[in-house]
C-alpha atoms as a PDB file:
ATOM      1  CA  GLN A   1       7.887  16.195   3.540  1.00  0.00           C
ATOM      2  CA  VAL A   2       6.362  13.425   1.093  1.00  0.00           C
ATOM      3  CA  GLN A   3       2.416  13.541   1.123  1.00  0.00           C
ATOM      4  CA  LEU A   4       0.720  10.372   0.167  1.00  0.00           C
ATOM      5  CA  VAL A   5      -3.236  10.173  -0.880  1.00  0.00           C
ATOM      6  CA  GLU A   6      -4.743   6.629  -1.123  1.00  0.00           C
ATOM      7  CA  SER A   7      -7.741   5.689  -3.517  1.00  0.00           C
ATOM      8  CA  GLY A   8      -9.319   2.554  -4.592  1.00  0.00           C
ATOM      9  CA  GLY A   9     -10.535   0.938  -1.516  1.00  0.00           C
ATOM     10  CA  GLY A  10     -14.270  -0.198  -0.784  1.00  0.00           C
ATOM     11  CA  LEU A  11     -16.652  -3.328  -0.410  1.00  0.00           C
ATOM     12  CA  VAL A  12     -15.879  -6.472  -2.325  1.00  0.00           C
ATOM     13  CA  GLN A  13     -17.157 -10.288  -2.285  1.00  0.00           C
ATOM     14  CA  ALA A  14     -14.846 -12.879  -1.041  1.00  0.00           C
ATOM     15  CA  GLY A  15     -12.641 -13.904  -4.571  1.00  0.00           C
ATOM     16  CA  GLY A  16     -12.930 -10.473  -5.769  1.00  0.00           C
ATOM     17  CA  SER A  17     -10.608  -7.869  -6.763  1.00  0.00           C
ATOM     18  CA  LEU A  18      -9.692  -4.398  -5.804  1.00  0.00           C
ATOM     19  CA  ARG A  19      -7.157  -2.009  -7.136  1.00  0.00           C
ATOM     20  CA  LEU A  20      -5.261   0.750  -4.627  1.00  0.00           C
ATOM     21  CA  SER A  21      -3.570   3.602  -5.670  1.00  0.00           C
ATOM     22  CA  CYS A  22      -1.228   6.006  -3.874  1.00  0.00           C
ATOM     23  CA  ALA A  23      -0.182   9.514  -5.295  1.00  0.00           C
ATOM     24  CA  ALA A  24       2.918  10.862  -3.919  1.00  0.00           C
ATOM     25  CA  SER A  25       3.704  14.620  -3.838  1.00  0.00           C
ATOM     26  CA  GLY A  26       6.383  16.770  -2.572  1.00  0.00           C
ATOM     27  CA  PRO A  27      10.149  15.783  -2.735  1.00  0.00           C
ATOM     28  CA  THR A  28       9.429  12.299  -4.359  1.00  0.00           C
ATOM     29  CA  PHE A  29      13.005  11.973  -5.599  1.00  0.00           C
ATOM     30  CA  SER A  30      14.075  11.867  -2.032  1.00  0.00           C
ATOM     31  CA  ILE A  31      11.833   8.514  -1.823  1.00  0.00           C
ATOM     32  CA  ASN A  32      13.860   5.146  -1.352  1.00  0.00           C
ATOM     33  CA  ALA A  33      11.326   2.482  -0.538  1.00  0.00           C
ATOM     34  CA  MET A  34       7.417   2.441  -0.406  1.00  0.00           C
ATOM     35  CA  GLY A  35       5.054   0.132   0.729  1.00  0.00           C
ATOM     36  CA  TRP A  36       1.135  -1.234   1.756  1.00  0.00           C
ATOM     37  CA  TYR A  37       0.089  -1.965   4.976  1.00  0.00           C
ATOM     38  CA  ARG A  38      -2.990  -2.751   6.620  1.00  0.00           C
ATOM     39  CA  GLN A  39      -4.793  -2.737  10.105  1.00  0.00           C
ATOM     40  CA  ALA A  40      -7.713  -4.569  11.118  1.00  0.00           C
ATOM     41  CA  PRO A  41      -9.763  -3.611  14.289  1.00  0.00           C
ATOM     42  CA  GLY A  42      -8.026  -4.548  17.028  1.00  0.00           C
ATOM     43  CA  LYS A  43      -4.927  -5.655  15.662  1.00  0.00           C
ATOM     44  CA  GLU A  44      -1.748  -4.049  15.251  1.00  0.00           C
ATOM     45  CA  ARG A  45      -0.705  -2.242  11.745  1.00  0.00           C
ATOM     46  CA  GLU A  46       1.160  -4.925   9.408  1.00  0.00           C
ATOM     47  CA  LEU A  47       3.224  -4.832   6.340  1.00  0.00           C
ATOM     48  CA  VAL A  48       1.398  -5.970   3.284  1.00  0.00           C
ATOM     49  CA  ALA A  49       3.820  -5.408   0.662  1.00  0.00           C
ATOM     50  CA  THR A  50       6.889  -3.080  -0.019  1.00  0.00           C
ATOM     51  CA  ILE A  51       8.960  -2.012  -3.348  1.00  0.00           C
ATOM     52  CA  THR A  52      12.132  -0.310  -3.533  1.00  0.00           C
ATOM     53  CA  THR A  53      12.994   2.126  -6.177  1.00  0.00           C
ATOM     54  CA  GLY A  54      14.428  -0.320  -8.393  1.00  0.00           C
ATOM     55  CA  SER A  55      10.950  -2.589  -8.669  1.00  0.00           C
ATOM     56  CA  THR A  56      12.227  -5.013  -5.860  1.00  0.00           C
ATOM     57  CA  ALA A  57       9.162  -6.415  -3.898  1.00  0.00           C
ATOM     58  CA  ASN A  58       8.611  -8.165  -0.706  1.00  0.00           C
ATOM     59  CA  TYR A  59       5.187  -9.410   0.220  1.00  0.00           C
ATOM     60  CA  ALA A  60       3.968 -10.764   3.637  1.00  0.00           C
ATOM     61  CA  ASP A  61       3.148 -14.495   3.279  1.00  0.00           C
ATOM     62  CA  SER A  62      -0.408 -14.101   3.730  1.00  0.00           C
ATOM     63  CA  VAL A  63      -0.557 -12.177   0.489  1.00  0.00           C
ATOM     64  CA  LYS A  64       1.665 -14.016  -1.918  1.00  0.00           C
ATOM     65  CA  GLY A  65       0.311 -15.022  -5.054  1.00  0.00           C
ATOM     66  CA  ARG A  66      -2.621 -12.495  -4.678  1.00  0.00           C
ATOM     67  CA  PHE A  67      -1.278  -9.411  -4.290  1.00  0.00           C
ATOM     68  CA  THR A  68       1.039  -7.351  -6.455  1.00  0.00           C
ATOM     69  CA  ILE A  69       2.907  -4.122  -6.073  1.00  0.00           C
ATOM     70  CA  SER A  70       4.060  -1.736  -8.427  1.00  0.00           C
ATOM     71  CA  ARG A  71       5.437   1.555  -8.436  1.00  0.00           C
ATOM     72  CA  ASP A  72       5.394   4.331 -11.387  1.00  0.00           C
ATOM     73  CA  ASN A  73       8.279   6.700 -10.377  1.00  0.00           C
ATOM     74  CA  ALA A  74       7.565   9.000 -13.397  1.00  0.00           C
ATOM     75  CA  LYS A  75       4.063   9.290 -12.183  1.00  0.00           C
ATOM     76  CA  ASN A  76       5.121   9.296  -8.552  1.00  0.00           C
ATOM     77  CA  LEU A  77       2.215   6.265  -7.913  1.00  0.00           C
ATOM     78  CA  LEU A  78       1.913   3.495  -6.069  1.00  0.00           C
ATOM     79  CA  SER A  79      -0.527   0.609  -6.828  1.00  0.00           C
ATOM     80  CA  LEU A  80      -1.701  -2.420  -5.016  1.00  0.00           C
ATOM     81  CA  GLN A  81      -3.702  -5.262  -7.226  1.00  0.00           C
ATOM     82  CA  MET A  82      -5.388  -7.253  -4.907  1.00  0.00           C
ATOM     83  CA  ASN A  83      -6.933 -10.903  -6.269  1.00  0.00           C
ATOM     84  CA  SER A  84      -8.910 -13.522  -4.884  1.00  0.00           C
ATOM     85  CA  LEU A  85      -9.645 -11.281  -1.817  1.00  0.00           C
ATOM     86  CA  LYS A  86     -10.606 -12.998   1.542  1.00  0.00           C
ATOM     87  CA  PRO A  87     -12.557 -11.809   4.828  1.00  0.00           C
ATOM     88  CA  GLU A  88      -9.396 -11.805   6.240  1.00  0.00           C
ATOM     89  CA  ASP A  89      -8.125  -9.025   3.964  1.00  0.00           C
ATOM     90  CA  THR A  90     -10.353  -6.805   5.631  1.00  0.00           C
ATOM     91  CA  ALA A  91      -8.336  -3.706   7.070  1.00  0.00           C
ATOM     92  CA  VAL A  92      -7.902  -0.088   6.461  1.00  0.00           C
ATOM     93  CA  TYR A  93      -4.631   0.066   4.074  1.00  0.00           C
ATOM     94  CA  TYR A  94      -1.969   2.500   4.448  1.00  0.00           C
ATOM     95  CA  CYS A  95       0.417   4.046   1.969  1.00  0.00           C
ATOM     96  CA  ASN A  96       4.085   4.454   3.150  1.00  0.00           C
ATOM     97  CA  ALA A  97       7.024   6.176   2.116  1.00  0.00           C
ATOM     98  CA  GLN A  98      10.677   6.153   3.274  1.00  0.00           C
ATOM     99  CA  GLY A  99      13.657   8.228   2.217  1.00  0.00           C
ATOM    100  CA  THR A 100      16.245  10.977   3.165  1.00  0.00           C
ATOM    101  CA  TRP A 101      15.309  14.514   2.871  1.00  0.00           C
ATOM    102  CA  GLY A 102      17.673  16.468   5.129  1.00  0.00           C
ATOM    103  CA  VAL A 103      16.830  13.736   7.785  1.00  0.00           C
ATOM    104  CA  ASN A 104      15.146  10.219   7.422  1.00  0.00           C
ATOM    105  CA  PHE A 105      11.307  10.674   7.304  1.00  0.00           C
ATOM    106  CA  ASN A 106       8.464   8.048   7.466  1.00  0.00           C
ATOM    107  CA  SER A 107       5.342   9.321   5.941  1.00  0.00           C
ATOM    108  CA  TRP A 108       1.967   7.778   5.939  1.00  0.00           C
ATOM    109  CA  GLY A 109      -1.122   8.300   4.177  1.00  0.00           C
ATOM    110  CA  GLN A 110      -4.520   8.668   5.463  1.00  0.00           C
ATOM    111  CA  GLY A 111      -5.769   5.001   4.682  1.00  0.00           C
ATOM    112  CA  THR A 112      -8.413   3.421   2.739  1.00  0.00           C
ATOM    113  CA  GLN A 113     -10.945   1.173   3.878  1.00  0.00           C
ATOM    114  CA  VAL A 114     -11.224  -2.503   2.195  1.00  0.00           C
ATOM    115  CA  THR A 115     -13.947  -4.626   3.270  1.00  0.00           C
ATOM    116  CA  VAL A 116     -14.467  -8.319   1.837  1.00  0.00           C
ATOM    117  CA  SER A 117     -17.642  -9.813   2.489  1.00  0.00           C
ATOM    118  CA  SER A 118     -18.227 -13.407   2.923  1.00  0.00           C
END
């Protein structure tokens, strides 16, 4: 099973930037798509951005033009550069990896808190 560990969250003022990282370990060669999701208090977890092994990215409309997802397959590292942050971006951000290792898997990290103050 693939393990994921996020880092880089914190407190930032509106308009500021943060960069999240996710380190993957285990059978990382079995990963197909990776992505970032977030969950705000009282809300369901939602997709932020995903990226395939071939670096095709997909973004939620709410973050397009502000967030950039990237993937370093050689280092097993997933990143999310977040610019022009807004208070509504406040949430716990989760790293996700999907692939096949005998069976299909859907792995999650423990989450990292991002708080944007107004």
